[in-house]
C-alpha atoms as a PDB file:
ATOM      1  CA  UNK A   1      61.770  94.148 122.519  1.00  0.00           C
ATOM      2  CA  UNK A   2      62.999  97.451 122.645  1.00  0.00           C
ATOM      3  CA  UNK A   3      63.578  97.125 119.038  1.00  0.00           C
ATOM      4  CA  UNK A   4      65.885 100.518 117.333  1.00  0.00           C
ATOM      5  CA  UNK A   5      65.759 100.147 113.417  1.00  0.00           C
ATOM      6  CA  UNK A   6      68.612 101.668 111.668  1.00  0.00           C
ATOM      7  CA  UNK A   7      66.814 104.680 110.336  1.00  0.00           C
ATOM      8  CA  UNK A   8      66.052 105.671 114.307  1.00  0.00           C
ATOM      9  CA  UNK A   9      70.071 105.340 114.921  1.00  0.00           C
ATOM     10  CA  UNK A  10      71.020 106.929 112.506  1.00  0.00           C
ATOM     11  CA  UNK A  11      72.910 104.207 109.995  1.00  0.00           C
ATOM     12  CA  UNK A  12      74.799 105.347 106.711  1.00  0.00           C
ATOM     13  CA  UNK A  13      73.571 103.229 103.670  1.00  0.00           C
ATOM     14  CA  UNK A  14      75.558 100.469 103.074  1.00  0.00           C
ATOM     15  CA  UNK A  15      78.098 100.898 100.521  1.00  0.00           C
ATOM     16  CA  UNK A  16      77.033  98.291  98.340  1.00  0.00           C
ATOM     17  CA  UNK A  17      74.011  95.780  98.174  1.00  0.00           C
ATOM     18  CA  UNK A  18      74.139  93.508 101.272  1.00  0.00           C
ATOM     19  CA  UNK A  19      74.345  89.235 100.384  1.00  0.00           C
ATOM     20  CA  UNK A  20      70.723  87.880 101.089  1.00  0.00           C
ATOM     21  CA  UNK A  21      70.375  84.594 103.359  1.00  0.00           C
ATOM     22  CA  UNK A  22      67.127  82.487 103.541  1.00  0.00           C
ATOM     23  CA  UNK A  23      68.022  81.138 106.509  1.00  0.00           C
ATOM     24  CA  UNK A  24      70.725  80.081 109.001  1.00  0.00           C
ATOM     25  CA  UNK A  25      71.914  77.627 111.597  1.00  0.00           C
ATOM     26  CA  UNK A  26      71.606  79.931 114.383  1.00  0.00           C
ATOM     27  CA  UNK A  27      73.179  82.896 115.805  1.00  0.00           C
ATOM     28  CA  UNK A  28      76.564  83.708 117.099  1.00  0.00           C
ATOM     29  CA  UNK A  29      77.191  86.351 120.012  1.00  0.00           C
ATOM     30  CA  UNK A  30      79.880  88.622 119.670  1.00  0.00           C
ATOM     31  CA  UNK A  31      81.470  91.653 121.926  1.00  0.00           C
ATOM     32  CA  UNK A  32      83.615  94.422 121.064  1.00  0.00           C
ATOM     33  CA  UNK A  33      86.645  93.307 122.039  1.00  0.00           C
ATOM     34  CA  UNK A  34      87.920  96.898 123.255  1.00  0.00           C
ATOM     35  CA  UNK A  35      86.935  99.143 125.996  1.00  0.00           C
ATOM     36  CA  UNK A  36      83.727  99.936 126.706  1.00  0.00           C
ATOM     37  CA  UNK A  37      83.371 102.491 129.793  1.00  0.00           C
ATOM     38  CA  UNK A  38      81.489 101.170 132.702  1.00  0.00           C
ATOM     39  CA  UNK A  39      79.603 104.530 132.887  1.00  0.00           C
ATOM     40  CA  UNK A  40      77.423 103.207 129.726  1.00  0.00           C
ATOM     41  CA  UNK A  41      75.714 101.207 131.590  1.00  0.00           C
ATOM     42  CA  UNK A  42      74.018 103.481 133.777  1.00  0.00           C
ATOM     43  CA  UNK A  43      70.577 104.419 133.061  1.00  0.00           C
ATOM     44  CA  UNK A  44      71.242 108.251 132.386  1.00  0.00           C
ATOM     45  CA  UNK A  45      73.636 107.007 129.654  1.00  0.00           C
ATOM     46  CA  UNK A  46      71.367 105.424 127.806  1.00  0.00           C
ATOM     47  CA  UNK A  47      71.155 108.414 125.044  1.00  0.00           C
ATOM     48  CA  UNK A  48      74.877 107.724 124.268  1.00  0.00           C
ATOM     49  CA  UNK A  49      74.281 103.810 122.964  1.00  0.00           C
ATOM     50  CA  UNK A  50      72.704 104.944 119.351  1.00  0.00           C
ATOM     51  CA  UNK A  51      76.100 107.269 118.929  1.00  0.00           C
ATOM     52  CA  UNK A  52      78.202 104.045 119.945  1.00  0.00           C
ATOM     53  CA  UNK A  53      76.760 102.060 117.006  1.00  0.00           C
ATOM     54  CA  UNK A  54      77.025 105.020 114.397  1.00  0.00           C
ATOM     55  CA  UNK A  55      80.845 104.883 115.280  1.00  0.00           C
ATOM     56  CA  UNK A  56      80.590 101.326 115.120  1.00  0.00           C
ATOM     57  CA  UNK A  57      79.289 101.171 111.890  1.00  0.00           C
ATOM     58  CA  UNK A  58      81.616 104.423 110.732  1.00  0.00           C
ATOM     59  CA  UNK A  59      85.035 102.384 111.845  1.00  0.00           C
ATOM     60  CA  UNK A  60      83.460  99.472 109.891  1.00  0.00           C
ATOM     61  CA  UNK A  61      83.173 101.427 106.934  1.00  0.00           C
ATOM     62  CA  UNK A  62      86.539 102.894 107.212  1.00  0.00           C
ATOM     63  CA  UNK A  63      87.998  99.268 107.426  1.00  0.00           C
ATOM     64  CA  UNK A  64      88.852  98.683 103.319  1.00  0.00           C
ATOM     65  CA  UNK A  65      91.211  95.755 104.378  1.00  0.00           C
ATOM     66  CA  UNK A  66      88.254  93.773 105.515  1.00  0.00           C
ATOM     67  CA  UNK A  67      85.967  95.531 102.839  1.00  0.00           C
ATOM     68  CA  UNK A  68      82.963  95.700 104.975  1.00  0.00           C
ATOM     69  CA  UNK A  69      79.987  97.120 103.408  1.00  0.00           C
ATOM     70  CA  UNK A  70      78.488  97.807 106.551  1.00  0.00           C
ATOM     71  CA  UNK A  71      78.419  97.624 110.190  1.00  0.00           C
ATOM     72  CA  UNK A  72      79.210  93.645 110.259  1.00  0.00           C
ATOM     73  CA  UNK A  73      76.823  92.668 112.570  1.00  0.00           C
ATOM     74  CA  UNK A  74      73.453  91.589 112.038  1.00  0.00           C
ATOM     75  CA  UNK A  75      72.452  93.612 115.293  1.00  0.00           C
ATOM     76  CA  UNK A  76      74.257  95.608 118.458  1.00  0.00           C
ATOM     77  CA  UNK A  77      72.408  95.036 121.860  1.00  0.00           C
ATOM     78  CA  UNK A  78      73.125  97.715 124.822  1.00  0.00           C
ATOM     79  CA  UNK A  79      73.498  97.378 128.387  1.00  0.00           C
ATOM     80  CA  UNK A  80      69.955  98.798 128.891  1.00  0.00           C
ATOM     81  CA  UNK A  81      68.468  96.037 126.479  1.00  0.00           C
ATOM     82  CA  UNK A  82      67.775  98.150 123.177  1.00  0.00           C
ATOM     83  CA  UNK A  83      68.730  96.004 120.219  1.00  0.00           C
ATOM     84  CA  UNK A  84      69.984  98.087 117.282  1.00  0.00           C
ATOM     85  CA  UNK A  85      69.222  96.893 113.470  1.00  0.00           C
ATOM     86  CA  UNK A  86      72.932  96.239 112.034  1.00  0.00           C
ATOM     87  CA  UNK A  87      72.487  94.577 108.552  1.00  0.00           C
ATOM     88  CA  UNK A  88      69.335  92.780 109.689  1.00  0.00           C
ATOM     89  CA  UNK A  89      67.549  89.696 109.320  1.00  0.00           C
ATOM     90  CA  UNK A  90      68.131  87.537 105.778  1.00  0.00           C
ATOM     91  CA  UNK A  91      71.284  89.846 105.525  1.00  0.00           C
ATOM     92  CA  UNK A  92      74.702  87.567 105.149  1.00  0.00           C
ATOM     93  CA  UNK A  93      77.170  88.999 108.232  1.00  0.00           C
ATOM     94  CA  UNK A  94      80.522  90.340 107.925  1.00  0.00           C
ATOM     95  CA  UNK A  95      81.236  89.407 111.648  1.00  0.00           C
ATOM     96  CA  UNK A  96      82.004  85.818 112.198  1.00  0.00           C
ATOM     97  CA  UNK A  97      85.510  85.118 110.134  1.00  0.00           C
ATOM     98  CA  UNK A  98      85.049  83.840 106.828  1.00  0.00           C
ATOM     99  CA  UNK A  99      82.088  83.632 104.043  1.00  0.00           C
ATOM    100  CA  UNK A 100      81.090  80.022 105.525  1.00  0.00           C
ATOM    101  CA  UNK A 101      80.824  81.279 108.664  1.00  0.00           C
ATOM    102  CA  UNK A 102      79.187  84.538 107.776  1.00  0.00           C
ATOM    103  CA  UNK A 103      76.751  82.499 106.073  1.00  0.00           C
ATOM    104  CA  UNK A 104      76.070  79.858 109.093  1.00  0.00           C
ATOM    105  CA  UNK A 105      75.297  81.924 111.649  1.00  0.00           C
ATOM    106  CA  UNK A 106      73.453  85.541 112.255  1.00  0.00           C
ATOM    107  CA  UNK A 107      75.690  87.958 114.733  1.00  0.00           C
ATOM    108  CA  UNK A 108      74.384  89.850 117.289  1.00  0.00           C
ATOM    109  CA  UNK A 109      76.871  92.283 119.246  1.00  0.00           C
ATOM    110  CA  UNK A 110      76.947  93.010 122.828  1.00  0.00           C
ATOM    111  CA  UNK A 111      78.227  96.848 123.926  1.00  0.00           C
ATOM    112  CA  UNK A 112      80.601  95.080 126.529  1.00  0.00           C
ATOM    113  CA  UNK A 113      84.638  95.064 126.044  1.00  0.00           C
ATOM    114  CA  UNK A 114      87.727  93.614 127.731  1.00  0.00           C
ATOM    115  CA  UNK A 115      87.910  96.600 129.704  1.00  0.00           C
ATOM    116  CA  UNK A 116      85.595  98.662 131.744  1.00  0.00           C
ATOM    117  CA  UNK A 117      82.474  97.491 131.031  1.00  0.00           C
ATOM    118  CA  UNK A 118      82.909  93.608 130.576  1.00  0.00           C
ATOM    119  CA  UNK A 119      80.006  92.008 132.273  1.00  0.00           C
ATOM    120  CA  UNK A 120      76.829  92.034 130.891  1.00  0.00           C
ATOM    121  CA  UNK A 121      73.843  93.631 132.301  1.00  0.00           C
ATOM    122  CA  UNK A 122      70.539  91.817 132.854  1.00  0.00           C
ATOM    123  CA  UNK A 123      68.932  93.916 130.900  1.00  0.00           C
ATOM    124  CA  UNK A 124      71.326  93.501 128.312  1.00  0.00           C
ATOM    125  CA  UNK A 125      71.203  89.581 128.495  1.00  0.00           C
ATOM    126  CA  UNK A 126      67.195  89.878 128.302  1.00  0.00           C
ATOM    127  CA  UNK A 127      67.839  92.269 124.926  1.00  0.00           C
ATOM    128  CA  UNK A 128      70.430  89.344 123.400  1.00  0.00           C
ATOM    129  CA  UNK A 129      67.428  86.968 123.856  1.00  0.00           C
ATOM    130  CA  UNK A 130      65.287  89.373 122.493  1.00  0.00           C
ATOM    131  CA  UNK A 131      67.768  89.882 119.078  1.00  0.00           C
ATOM    132  CA  UNK A 132      67.735  85.768 119.182  1.00  0.00           C
ATOM    133  CA  UNK A 133      64.327  85.562 118.928  1.00  0.00           C
ATOM    134  CA  UNK A 134      63.363  88.646 116.219  1.00  0.00           C
ATOM    135  CA  UNK A 135      66.362  86.450 114.268  1.00  0.00           C
ATOM    136  CA  UNK A 136      64.734  83.537 114.537  1.00  0.00           C
ATOM    137  CA  UNK A 137      60.980  84.882 113.733  1.00  0.00           C
ATOM    138  CA  UNK A 138      62.002  87.290 110.933  1.00  0.00           C
ATOM    139  CA  UNK A 139      65.071  85.920 109.785  1.00  0.00           C
ATOM    140  CA  UNK A 140      64.876  82.248 109.771  1.00  0.00           C
ATOM    141  CA  UNK A 141      67.533  81.647 112.719  1.00  0.00           C
ATOM    142  CA  UNK A 142      67.543  77.801 113.764  1.00  0.00           C
ATOM    143  CA  UNK A 143      68.386  77.168 117.070  1.00  0.00           C
ATOM    144  CA  UNK A 144      71.832  76.932 117.302  1.00  0.00           C
ATOM    145  CA  UNK A 145      73.400  79.800 120.001  1.00  0.00           C
ATOM    146  CA  UNK A 146      77.005  80.071 119.651  1.00  0.00           C
ATOM    147  CA  UNK A 147      80.209  82.393 120.505  1.00  0.00           C
ATOM    148  CA  UNK A 148      82.242  83.859 118.040  1.00  0.00           C
ATOM    149  CA  UNK A 149      84.981  81.795 119.329  1.00  0.00           C
ATOM    150  CA  UNK A 150      83.493  78.741 117.991  1.00  0.00           C
ATOM    151  CA  UNK A 151      84.989  77.736 115.249  1.00  0.00           C
ATOM    152  CA  UNK A 152      86.758  80.792 114.629  1.00  0.00           C
ATOM    153  CA  UNK A 153      90.346  81.355 116.580  1.00  0.00           C
ATOM    154  CA  UNK A 154      89.393  84.701 118.866  1.00  0.00           C
ATOM    155  CA  UNK A 155      88.703  85.558 122.594  1.00  0.00           C
ATOM    156  CA  UNK A 156      85.171  86.588 121.190  1.00  0.00           C
ATOM    157  CA  UNK A 157      82.777  87.247 123.125  1.00  0.00           C
ATOM    158  CA  UNK A 158      84.765  87.511 126.241  1.00  0.00           C
ATOM    159  CA  UNK A 159      84.691  84.948 129.167  1.00  0.00           C
ATOM    160  CA  UNK A 160      81.529  86.444 130.913  1.00  0.00           C
ATOM    161  CA  UNK A 161      79.457  86.266 127.750  1.00  0.00           C
ATOM    162  CA  UNK A 162      80.992  83.135 126.583  1.00  0.00           C
ATOM    163  CA  UNK A 163      79.906  81.112 130.419  1.00  0.00           C
ATOM    164  CA  UNK A 164      76.457  82.367 129.492  1.00  0.00           C
ATOM    165  CA  UNK A 165      76.299  80.840 126.031  1.00  0.00           C
ATOM    166  CA  UNK A 166      77.671  77.408 127.680  1.00  0.00           C
ATOM    167  CA  UNK A 167      75.107  77.468 129.828  1.00  0.00           C
ATOM    168  CA  UNK A 168      72.319  78.122 127.197  1.00  0.00           C
ATOM    169  CA  UNK A 169      71.852  81.575 126.937  1.00  0.00           C
ATOM    170  CA  UNK A 170      69.360  81.689 129.804  1.00  0.00           C
ATOM    171  CA  UNK A 171      67.259  85.003 130.526  1.00  0.00           C
ATOM    172  CA  UNK A 172      68.244  86.233 133.798  1.00  0.00           C
ATOM    173  CA  UNK A 173      65.756  84.685 136.319  1.00  0.00           C
ATOM    174  CA  UNK A 174      64.956  81.656 134.114  1.00  0.00           C
ATOM    175  CA  UNK A 175      63.272  80.827 131.368  1.00  0.00           C
ATOM    176  CA  UNK A 176      64.557  80.923 127.510  1.00  0.00           C
ATOM    177  CA  UNK A 177      67.874  79.083 127.551  1.00  0.00           C
ATOM    178  CA  UNK A 178      68.236  76.334 125.066  1.00  0.00           C
ATOM    179  CA  UNK A 179      69.294  72.899 126.206  1.00  0.00           C
ATOM    180  CA  UNK A 180      72.157  71.882 126.212  1.00  0.00           C
ATOM    181  CA  UNK A 181      73.718  70.420 123.007  1.00  0.00           C
ATOM    182  CA  UNK A 182      72.883  67.044 122.955  1.00  0.00           C
ATOM    183  CA  UNK A 183      71.263  66.553 119.549  1.00  0.00           C
ATOM    184  CA  UNK A 184      72.575  68.749 116.709  1.00  0.00           C
ATOM    185  CA  UNK A 185      70.137  71.949 116.068  1.00  0.00           C
ATOM    186  CA  UNK A 186      68.014  72.432 113.335  1.00  0.00           C
ATOM    187  CA  UNK A 187      69.892  73.855 110.385  1.00  0.00           C
ATOM    188  CA  UNK A 188      67.048  75.531 109.018  1.00  0.00           C
ATOM    189  CA  UNK A 189      65.022  74.514 106.217  1.00  0.00           C
ATOM    190  CA  UNK A 190      66.635  76.094 103.207  1.00  0.00           C
ATOM    191  CA  UNK A 191      69.875  74.300 104.429  1.00  0.00           C
ATOM    192  CA  UNK A 192      68.400  71.170 103.079  1.00  0.00           C
ATOM    193  CA  UNK A 193      67.473  72.744  99.871  1.00  0.00           C
ATOM    194  CA  UNK A 194      70.826  74.004  98.947  1.00  0.00           C
ATOM    195  CA  UNK A 195      71.916  70.281  98.651  1.00  0.00           C
ATOM    196  CA  UNK A 196      74.548  69.980 101.542  1.00  0.00           C
ATOM    197  CA  UNK A 197      77.440  68.336 102.457  1.00  0.00           C
ATOM    198  CA  UNK A 198      77.892  67.978 106.034  1.00  0.00           C
ATOM    199  CA  UNK A 199      78.338  65.067 108.695  1.00  0.00           C
ATOM    200  CA  UNK A 200      75.156  66.492 109.852  1.00  0.00           C
ATOM    201  CA  UNK A 201      73.770  65.074 106.988  1.00  0.00           C
ATOM    202  CA  UNK A 202      75.225  61.377 107.535  1.00  0.00           C
ATOM    203  CA  UNK A 203      74.392  61.513 111.339  1.00  0.00           C
ATOM    204  CA  UNK A 204      70.619  62.510 110.425  1.00  0.00           C
ATOM    205  CA  UNK A 205      70.927  59.404 107.995  1.00  0.00           C
ATOM    206  CA  UNK A 206      72.225  56.993 110.708  1.00  0.00           C
ATOM    207  CA  UNK A 207      68.954  58.031 112.989  1.00  0.00           C
ATOM    208  CA  UNK A 208      66.492  57.245 109.894  1.00  0.00           C
ATOM    209  CA  UNK A 209      68.317  54.028 109.364  1.00  0.00           C
ATOM    210  CA  UNK A 210      68.335  53.201 113.347  1.00  0.00           C
ATOM    211  CA  UNK A 211      64.406  54.548 113.045  1.00  0.00           C
ATOM    212  CA  UNK A 212      63.792  51.788 110.782  1.00  0.00           C
ATOM    213  CA  UNK A 213      62.837  54.388 107.548  1.00  0.00           C
ATOM    214  CA  UNK A 214      65.655  53.927 105.665  1.00  0.00           C
ATOM    215  CA  UNK A 215      65.298  54.289 101.612  1.00  0.00           C
ATOM    216  CA  UNK A 216      68.962  54.088 101.202  1.00  0.00           C
ATOM    217  CA  UNK A 217      70.232  51.830  98.440  1.00  0.00           C
ATOM    218  CA  UNK A 218      74.188  52.672 100.042  1.00  0.00           C
ATOM    219  CA  UNK A 219      75.057  54.943 102.513  1.00  0.00           C
ATOM    220  CA  UNK A 220      74.011  57.037 104.330  1.00  0.00           C
ATOM    221  CA  UNK A 221      76.697  59.370 103.186  1.00  0.00           C
ATOM    222  CA  UNK A 222      77.550  63.298 103.749  1.00  0.00           C
ATOM    223  CA  UNK A 223      76.125  64.600 100.914  1.00  0.00           C
ATOM    224  CA  UNK A 224      72.063  65.457 100.725  1.00  0.00           C
ATOM    225  CA  UNK A 225      70.584  63.220  98.095  1.00  0.00           C
ATOM    226  CA  UNK A 226      67.142  62.356  97.099  1.00  0.00           C
ATOM    227  CA  UNK A 227      67.545  58.717  99.283  1.00  0.00           C
ATOM    228  CA  UNK A 228      67.853  61.362 101.896  1.00  0.00           C
ATOM    229  CA  UNK A 229      64.373  63.009 101.207  1.00  0.00           C
ATOM    230  CA  UNK A 230      62.863  59.790 100.647  1.00  0.00           C
ATOM    231  CA  UNK A 231      64.012  58.519 104.204  1.00  0.00           C
ATOM    232  CA  UNK A 232      63.294  61.480 105.621  1.00  0.00           C
ATOM    233  CA  UNK A 233      59.553  61.450 104.106  1.00  0.00           C
ATOM    234  CA  UNK A 234      59.158  57.766 105.972  1.00  0.00           C
ATOM    235  CA  UNK A 235      60.203  59.453 109.243  1.00  0.00           C
ATOM    236  CA  UNK A 236      57.819  62.287 108.713  1.00  0.00           C
ATOM    237  CA  UNK A 237      55.230  59.653 108.414  1.00  0.00           C
ATOM    238  CA  UNK A 238      55.634  57.408 110.815  1.00  0.00           C
ATOM    239  CA  UNK A 239      55.228  61.122 112.760  1.00  0.00           C
ATOM    240  CA  UNK A 240      51.795  61.244 111.513  1.00  0.00           C
ATOM    241  CA  UNK A 241      52.305  63.749 108.739  1.00  0.00           C
ATOM    242  CA  UNK A 242      50.901  63.646 105.293  1.00  0.00           C
ATOM    243  CA  UNK A 243      50.792  65.476 102.057  1.00  0.00           C
ATOM    244  CA  UNK A 244      53.108  68.451 101.525  1.00  0.00           C
ATOM    245  CA  UNK A 245      53.999  68.089 105.325  1.00  0.00           C
ATOM    246  CA  UNK A 246      55.616  64.584 104.287  1.00  0.00           C
ATOM    247  CA  UNK A 247      57.829  65.874 101.431  1.00  0.00           C
ATOM    248  CA  UNK A 248      61.310  64.807 102.803  1.00  0.00           C
ATOM    249  CA  UNK A 249      62.032  68.175 103.425  1.00  0.00           C
ATOM    250  CA  UNK A 250      62.996  68.381 107.164  1.00  0.00           C
ATOM    251  CA  UNK A 251      61.395  71.103 109.983  1.00  0.00           C
ATOM    252  CA  UNK A 252      62.040  71.822 112.967  1.00  0.00           C
ATOM    253  CA  UNK A 253      59.434  69.661 114.889  1.00  0.00           C
ATOM    254  CA  UNK A 254      60.588  66.579 113.029  1.00  0.00           C
ATOM    255  CA  UNK A 255      63.849  67.305 113.246  1.00  0.00           C
ATOM    256  CA  UNK A 256      63.578  67.793 117.064  1.00  0.00           C
ATOM    257  CA  UNK A 257      61.955  64.344 117.272  1.00  0.00           C
ATOM    258  CA  UNK A 258      64.566  62.732 115.452  1.00  0.00           C
ATOM    259  CA  UNK A 259      67.230  63.320 118.008  1.00  0.00           C
ATOM    260  CA  UNK A 260      70.223  64.046 115.822  1.00  0.00           C
ATOM    261  CA  UNK A 261      73.248  63.644 117.914  1.00  0.00           C
ATOM    262  CA  UNK A 262      75.570  66.805 117.949  1.00  0.00           C
ATOM    263  CA  UNK A 263      78.823  65.945 116.005  1.00  0.00           C
END
């Protein structure tokens, strides 16, 4: 990964402390939504990319209507494949539209627009995958990859990028993609510790019942409860886990094996 830190691209400090998030359901892909010169993709113009990130941060800091504390994105990816650190891992994004959406997903923006450079380059698609995998490793992002328009009324991330997201966000030439969204992606460990109320919890409970792992006296329902944890612990033991590995708190491997249907 060609990673460019905030210090390396010349970021200004945040206007105020950024909100911490322990994990997310995944990553949402964005584009600039305004003209981006096609010439930016030329190899000799890579030196312009850091300045473009600085300009975007400056425009966000000047937008007092939205009251941004920093550049809105977790990261930006240029046409040459470099990943520019934005707010970074474990920091609530400002780009997804609402407080709830900003907590649920990180935001990675590609330097493509609605005019000029509208098609992502192969290097850029690789960079987007690098950013996603970095946020998974360092930011506890879940497996979900969506476009900004998923759950929010916007054209972002534009037609070409959204088509790529719908294909599973593969690396050019194959590899690195995610399966079609047949099953719910792992929401992240912290999500369960926050005692969520969600249809995903209900769907999980129905799968646990179907697998003969029910500890429910009633339900299951959308609110995470001790009965959910006890039922999940039975599922973990069914898979061969024991001790602390069968404590009832879902992890990515046992979640994938449960195959919770997509809501």
